[in-house]
Amino acid sequence: MAKTGMTKMISTHSDGFLREVVFSPLRSAVLFQDIQIKSLQRYCCQDSKHGQAILGIDATFNLGDFYVTVTTFRHPQLRRKGTKVSPVFMGPVIIHMQRRF
């Protein structure tokens, strides 16, 4: 079976930022890097000696014909010098065709 352009892109980038593309019932794409998932697991899903981070989900920015849902968390091991506040890190991103997915 011949690979389409999209199939080739997904198969060659399975360890990159684009991880999954779903065509049915609604088109969507999931984007993340391994380090983002490892950090989420470490700081949001289990107790850490540095504290537990809260996963933020900012559902849905309208981007033309698409919607983008972004996840974020604060990295509890890092602190800004002046404010002592942990910086916000980006987690996985979902691009989808409808506001709800």
C-alpha atoms as a PDB file:
ATOM      1  CA  MET A   1       0.000   0.000   0.000  1.00  0.00           C
ATOM      2  CA  ALA A   2       1.438   3.358  -1.036  1.00  0.00           C
ATOM      3  CA  LYS A   3       1.975   5.929   1.697  1.00  0.00           C
ATOM      4  CA  THR A   4       0.232   9.261   1.368  1.00  0.00           C
ATOM      5  CA  GLY A   5       2.041  12.508   2.185  1.00  0.00           C
ATOM      6  CA  MET A   6       0.397  12.657   5.623  1.00  0.00           C
ATOM      7  CA  THR A   7       1.203   9.017   6.399  1.00  0.00           C
ATOM      8  CA  LYS A   8       4.847   9.589   5.461  1.00  0.00           C
ATOM      9  CA  MET A   9       4.997  12.705   7.643  1.00  0.00           C
ATOM     10  CA  ILE A  10       3.578  10.868  10.665  1.00  0.00           C
ATOM     11  CA  SER A  11       5.748   7.769  10.256  1.00  0.00           C
ATOM     12  CA  THR A  12       8.946   9.804   9.886  1.00  0.00           C
ATOM     13  CA  HIS A  13       8.134  12.089  12.838  1.00  0.00           C
ATOM     14  CA  SER A  14       6.874   9.558  15.406  1.00  0.00           C
ATOM     15  CA  ASP A  15       9.594  10.653  17.823  1.00  0.00           C
ATOM     16  CA  GLY A  16       9.255  14.355  17.020  1.00  0.00           C
ATOM     17  CA  PHE A  17       6.617  16.922  17.958  1.00  0.00           C
ATOM     18  CA  LEU A  18       3.718  15.608  15.817  1.00  0.00           C
ATOM     19  CA  ARG A  19       2.582  12.362  17.455  1.00  0.00           C
ATOM     20  CA  GLU A  20      -0.902  11.520  16.254  1.00  0.00           C
ATOM     21  CA  VAL A  21      -3.282  12.617  13.529  1.00  0.00           C
ATOM     22  CA  VAL A  22      -6.890  11.402  13.598  1.00  0.00           C
ATOM     23  CA  PHE A  23      -9.049  11.756  10.495  1.00  0.00           C
ATOM     24  CA  SER A  24     -12.324  10.269  11.721  1.00  0.00           C
ATOM     25  CA  PRO A  25     -14.798  11.163  13.086  1.00  0.00           C
ATOM     26  CA  LEU A  26     -13.228  14.624  13.496  1.00  0.00           C
ATOM     27  CA  ARG A  27      -9.787  15.663  12.341  1.00  0.00           C
ATOM     28  CA  SER A  28      -7.315  16.363  15.137  1.00  0.00           C
ATOM     29  CA  ALA A  29      -3.590  16.265  15.820  1.00  0.00           C
ATOM     30  CA  VAL A  30      -1.695  15.762  19.073  1.00  0.00           C
ATOM     31  CA  LEU A  31       1.698  17.430  19.384  1.00  0.00           C
ATOM     32  CA  PHE A  32       4.276  16.879  22.127  1.00  0.00           C
ATOM     33  CA  GLN A  33       7.855  15.906  22.830  1.00  0.00           C
ATOM     34  CA  ASP A  34       8.941  13.079  25.117  1.00  0.00           C
ATOM     35  CA  ILE A  35      10.431  15.511  27.631  1.00  0.00           C
ATOM     36  CA  GLN A  36       7.029  17.228  28.001  1.00  0.00           C
ATOM     37  CA  ILE A  37       5.329  13.935  28.901  1.00  0.00           C
ATOM     38  CA  LYS A  38       8.129  12.949  31.283  1.00  0.00           C
ATOM     39  CA  SER A  39       7.883  16.325  33.028  1.00  0.00           C
ATOM     40  CA  LEU A  40       4.086  16.058  33.257  1.00  0.00           C
ATOM     41  CA  GLN A  41       4.361  12.598  34.790  1.00  0.00           C
ATOM     42  CA  ARG A  42       7.053  13.699  37.196  1.00  0.00           C
ATOM     43  CA  TYR A  43       5.501  16.957  38.402  1.00  0.00           C
ATOM     44  CA  CYS A  44       1.735  16.610  37.825  1.00  0.00           C
ATOM     45  CA  CYS A  45       0.977  12.912  38.341  1.00  0.00           C
ATOM     46  CA  GLN A  46       3.013  11.982  41.384  1.00  0.00           C
ATOM     47  CA  ASP A  47       4.293  13.556  44.557  1.00  0.00           C
ATOM     48  CA  SER A  48       7.694  15.096  44.081  1.00  0.00           C
ATOM     49  CA  LYS A  49      10.092  16.334  46.728  1.00  0.00           C
ATOM     50  CA  HIS A  50       9.880  19.667  44.911  1.00  0.00           C
ATOM     51  CA  GLY A  51       6.073  19.849  45.105  1.00  0.00           C
ATOM     52  CA  GLN A  52       3.273  18.835  42.804  1.00  0.00           C
ATOM     53  CA  ALA A  53       2.349  20.956  39.808  1.00  0.00           C
ATOM     54  CA  ILE A  54      -1.181  21.579  38.576  1.00  0.00           C
ATOM     55  CA  LEU A  55      -1.913  20.773  34.941  1.00  0.00           C
ATOM     56  CA  GLY A  56      -3.638  23.690  33.226  1.00  0.00           C
ATOM     57  CA  ILE A  57      -5.777  23.139  30.152  1.00  0.00           C
ATOM     58  CA  ASP A  58      -6.540  26.242  28.152  1.00  0.00           C
ATOM     59  CA  ALA A  59      -9.281  25.022  25.947  1.00  0.00           C
ATOM     60  CA  THR A  60      -9.481  26.409  22.851  1.00  0.00           C
ATOM     61  CA  PHE A  61      -7.980  29.151  20.867  1.00  0.00           C
ATOM     62  CA  ASN A  62      -9.640  29.738  17.518  1.00  0.00           C
ATOM     63  CA  LEU A  63      -7.002  29.579  14.802  1.00  0.00           C
ATOM     64  CA  GLY A  64      -8.834  30.094  11.521  1.00  0.00           C
ATOM     65  CA  ASP A  65     -10.638  26.851  10.664  1.00  0.00           C
ATOM     66  CA  PHE A  66      -9.003  25.069  13.611  1.00  0.00           C
ATOM     67  CA  TYR A  67      -9.020  25.160  17.389  1.00  0.00           C
ATOM     68  CA  VAL A  68      -5.958  24.736  19.566  1.00  0.00           C
ATOM     69  CA  THR A  69      -6.019  23.374  23.117  1.00  0.00           C
ATOM     70  CA  VAL A  70      -2.833  23.979  25.083  1.00  0.00           C
ATOM     71  CA  THR A  71      -1.737  22.347  28.346  1.00  0.00           C
ATOM     72  CA  THR A  72       0.653  24.051  30.775  1.00  0.00           C
ATOM     73  CA  PHE A  73       2.240  23.439  34.170  1.00  0.00           C
ATOM     74  CA  ARG A  74       4.666  25.209  36.483  1.00  0.00           C
ATOM     75  CA  HIS A  75       8.087  23.578  36.838  1.00  0.00           C
ATOM     76  CA  PRO A  76       8.488  23.244  40.638  1.00  0.00           C
ATOM     77  CA  GLN A  77      12.272  22.736  40.514  1.00  0.00           C
ATOM     78  CA  LEU A  78      12.871  26.129  38.930  1.00  0.00           C
ATOM     79  CA  ARG A  79      12.274  29.533  40.547  1.00  0.00           C
ATOM     80  CA  ARG A  80      12.688  33.054  39.203  1.00  0.00           C
ATOM     81  CA  LYS A  81      15.289  35.017  41.158  1.00  0.00           C
ATOM     82  CA  GLY A  82      13.177  38.067  41.951  1.00  0.00           C
ATOM     83  CA  THR A  83       9.727  36.574  42.475  1.00  0.00           C
ATOM     84  CA  LYS A  84      10.577  32.988  43.534  1.00  0.00           C
ATOM     85  CA  VAL A  85       7.716  31.847  41.246  1.00  0.00           C
ATOM     86  CA  SER A  86       8.119  28.755  39.088  1.00  0.00           C
ATOM     87  CA  PRO A  87       8.033  29.370  35.327  1.00  0.00           C
ATOM     88  CA  VAL A  88       5.180  28.019  33.210  1.00  0.00           C
ATOM     89  CA  PHE A  89       6.079  25.199  30.820  1.00  0.00           C
ATOM     90  CA  MET A  90       4.003  24.091  27.845  1.00  0.00           C
ATOM     91  CA  GLY A  91       2.687  20.526  27.732  1.00  0.00           C
ATOM     92  CA  PRO A  92       1.003  18.671  24.872  1.00  0.00           C
ATOM     93  CA  VAL A  93      -1.032  20.629  22.314  1.00  0.00           C
ATOM     94  CA  ILE A  94      -4.145  19.403  20.513  1.00  0.00           C
ATOM     95  CA  ILE A  95      -5.289  20.894  17.215  1.00  0.00           C
ATOM     96  CA  HIS A  96      -8.875  20.035  16.331  1.00  0.00           C
ATOM     97  CA  MET A  97     -11.705  20.991  13.964  1.00  0.00           C
ATOM     98  CA  GLN A  98     -14.491  21.741  16.448  1.00  0.00           C
ATOM     99  CA  ARG A  99     -14.547  23.657  19.707  1.00  0.00           C
ATOM    100  CA  ARG A 100     -15.317  20.415  21.547  1.00  0.00           C
ATOM    101  CA  PHE A 101     -13.433  17.219  20.839  1.00  0.00           C
END
